[in-house]
């Protein structure tokens, strides 16, 4: 069984991170981005995110300090495209001590999660994602 992703992030990474300026947030940012990318991966690309009109996928948003807000319903005839740059920008400005949220504003997001497991599939790999990103940051810093 996967570790609980709500455990203290600092408890999941090596003690060396406390001594290296910026390492903690580098690992947190890269790991968070990877989990979001995994949750947002559509079925057509091997993930679990269903896409009919694209509204659910497009309703994925980040926010620092409080859950994201946005429209709950889209135009059934509309075409929607997820903009990852807004997510990347929020993650880049996220600071230690702040809470980063990612969620879908589509009113039916939880129903689709129950049917498709796009959040569960991404979150269950959290510990491995953190370990990979810890190793990447360590290598990048020459440690």
Protein backbone atom coordinates (compact mmCIF):
# COMPACT_ATOMS: atom_id res chain seq x y z
CA UNK A 1 0.00 0.00 0.00
CA UNK A 2 1.29 3.48 -0.87
CA UNK A 3 2.31 5.88 1.87
CA UNK A 4 -0.22 8.48 2.88
CA UNK A 5 0.49 11.54 0.68
CA UNK A 6 -0.75 13.82 3.48
CA UNK A 7 2.27 12.97 5.63
CA UNK A 8 4.59 15.87 6.35
CA UNK A 9 6.59 16.43 3.17
CA UNK A 10 9.72 17.20 5.21
CA UNK A 11 9.51 13.72 6.76
CA UNK A 12 9.68 12.13 3.30
CA UNK A 13 12.94 13.68 2.15
CA UNK A 14 16.53 13.43 3.36
CA UNK A 15 17.93 15.51 6.20
CA UNK A 16 20.47 17.05 3.78
CA UNK A 17 17.66 19.17 2.34
CA UNK A 18 17.50 21.25 5.53
CA UNK A 19 21.11 22.32 5.01
CA UNK A 20 20.89 23.22 1.31
CA UNK A 21 19.20 26.53 0.51
CA UNK A 22 16.34 26.09 -1.93
CA UNK A 23 16.50 22.28 -2.11
CA UNK A 24 13.28 21.75 -0.14
CA UNK A 25 11.18 23.92 -2.45
CA UNK A 26 12.88 22.59 -5.58
CA UNK A 27 11.84 19.06 -4.62
CA UNK A 28 8.37 20.20 -3.55
CA UNK A 29 7.78 22.14 -6.77
CA UNK A 30 9.05 19.43 -9.10
CA UNK A 31 7.12 16.70 -7.26
CA UNK A 32 3.90 18.71 -7.21
CA UNK A 33 4.20 19.48 -10.91
CA UNK A 34 4.78 15.81 -11.68
CA UNK A 35 1.71 14.68 -9.70
CA UNK A 36 -0.45 17.30 -11.44
CA UNK A 37 0.90 16.27 -14.84
CA UNK A 38 0.14 12.64 -14.06
CA UNK A 39 -3.42 13.42 -12.90
CA UNK A 40 -4.00 15.56 -16.00
CA UNK A 41 -2.74 12.90 -18.42
CA UNK A 42 -5.65 12.03 -20.68
CA UNK A 43 -6.74 8.53 -21.55
CA UNK A 44 -5.62 9.17 -25.14
CA UNK A 45 -2.08 9.64 -23.80
CA UNK A 46 -2.14 6.68 -21.39
CA UNK A 47 -3.55 8.37 -18.28
CA UNK A 48 -6.88 8.18 -16.49
CA UNK A 49 -8.28 11.64 -17.24
CA UNK A 50 -11.43 11.29 -19.36
CA UNK A 51 -11.93 13.93 -22.04
CA UNK A 52 -15.21 14.47 -23.83
CA UNK A 53 -15.50 18.25 -24.24
CA UNK A 54 -12.30 19.00 -22.32
CA UNK A 55 -14.07 21.04 -19.65
CA UNK A 56 -13.07 18.78 -16.73
CA UNK A 57 -9.45 18.69 -17.88
CA UNK A 58 -9.43 22.45 -18.48
CA UNK A 59 -11.00 23.17 -15.09
CA UNK A 60 -7.80 22.02 -13.33
CA UNK A 61 -6.38 24.97 -11.45
CA UNK A 62 -3.80 25.82 -8.81
CA UNK A 63 -4.09 28.38 -6.05
CA UNK A 64 -1.87 29.31 -3.15
CA UNK A 65 -3.57 29.63 0.23
CA UNK A 66 -7.06 28.43 -0.65
CA UNK A 67 -8.74 25.93 -2.97
CA UNK A 68 -9.06 27.12 -6.56
CA UNK A 69 -12.29 28.63 -7.81
CA UNK A 70 -13.75 28.70 -11.29
CA UNK A 71 -16.74 27.75 -13.38
CA UNK A 72 -18.48 24.50 -12.48
CA UNK A 73 -20.14 24.01 -15.84
CA UNK A 74 -18.98 24.50 -19.39
CA UNK A 75 -20.72 24.88 -22.69
CA UNK A 76 -21.43 21.34 -23.97
CA UNK A 77 -20.59 22.54 -27.48
CA UNK A 78 -17.43 24.34 -26.36
CA UNK A 79 -13.87 23.30 -26.93
CA UNK A 80 -11.52 23.61 -23.97
CA UNK A 81 -7.76 23.40 -23.69
CA UNK A 82 -5.84 23.10 -20.42
CA UNK A 83 -3.23 25.84 -19.99
CA UNK A 84 -0.30 24.35 -18.05
CA UNK A 85 1.55 27.71 -17.99
CA UNK A 86 -0.79 29.07 -15.33
CA UNK A 87 -0.11 26.02 -13.15
CA UNK A 88 3.64 26.33 -13.72
CA UNK A 89 3.55 30.03 -12.82
CA UNK A 90 1.76 29.37 -9.52
CA UNK A 91 4.16 26.56 -8.66
CA UNK A 92 7.14 28.81 -9.44
CA UNK A 93 5.94 31.53 -7.04
CA UNK A 94 4.92 29.07 -4.30
CA UNK A 95 7.00 29.63 -1.14
CA UNK A 96 7.82 27.41 1.82
CA UNK A 97 5.13 27.69 4.49
CA UNK A 98 2.37 28.35 1.97
CA UNK A 99 -0.23 25.76 1.03
CA UNK A 100 -0.48 24.92 -2.67
CA UNK A 101 -3.82 23.63 -3.90
CA UNK A 102 -4.68 21.96 -7.18
CA UNK A 103 -8.20 20.93 -8.04
CA UNK A 104 -10.84 20.77 -10.71
CA UNK A 105 -13.68 23.26 -10.64
CA UNK A 106 -15.98 21.18 -12.85
CA UNK A 107 -19.05 20.31 -10.80
CA UNK A 108 -18.77 16.66 -11.82
CA UNK A 109 -15.05 16.25 -11.05
CA UNK A 110 -15.58 13.97 -8.03
CA UNK A 111 -18.01 11.76 -9.96
CA UNK A 112 -15.42 11.37 -12.72
CA UNK A 113 -12.69 10.68 -10.16
CA UNK A 114 -14.83 7.89 -8.67
CA UNK A 115 -15.24 6.35 -12.14
CA UNK A 116 -11.73 6.94 -13.51
CA UNK A 117 -9.31 7.39 -10.60
CA UNK A 118 -7.14 10.09 -12.20
CA UNK A 119 -6.34 11.66 -8.80
CA UNK A 120 -5.83 8.34 -7.01
CA UNK A 121 -3.50 7.02 -9.71
CA UNK A 122 -1.35 10.13 -9.53
CA UNK A 123 -1.32 10.44 -5.74
CA UNK A 124 -0.43 6.82 -5.07
CA UNK A 125 2.94 7.41 -6.73
CA UNK A 126 3.78 10.43 -4.52
CA UNK A 127 6.55 8.73 -2.50
CA UNK A 128 8.32 7.49 -5.65
CA UNK A 129 7.95 10.89 -7.31
CA UNK A 130 9.50 12.62 -4.28
CA UNK A 131 12.39 10.14 -4.19
CA UNK A 132 13.08 10.65 -7.92
CA UNK A 133 13.01 14.42 -7.56
CA UNK A 134 15.18 14.33 -4.46
CA UNK A 135 17.77 12.36 -6.46
CA UNK A 136 17.52 14.80 -9.40
CA UNK A 137 18.02 17.85 -7.16
CA UNK A 138 20.88 16.17 -5.33
CA UNK A 139 22.60 15.37 -8.65
CA UNK A 140 21.97 18.88 -10.01
CA UNK A 141 23.59 20.35 -6.89
CA UNK A 142 26.52 17.94 -7.08
CA UNK A 143 25.77 16.29 -3.73
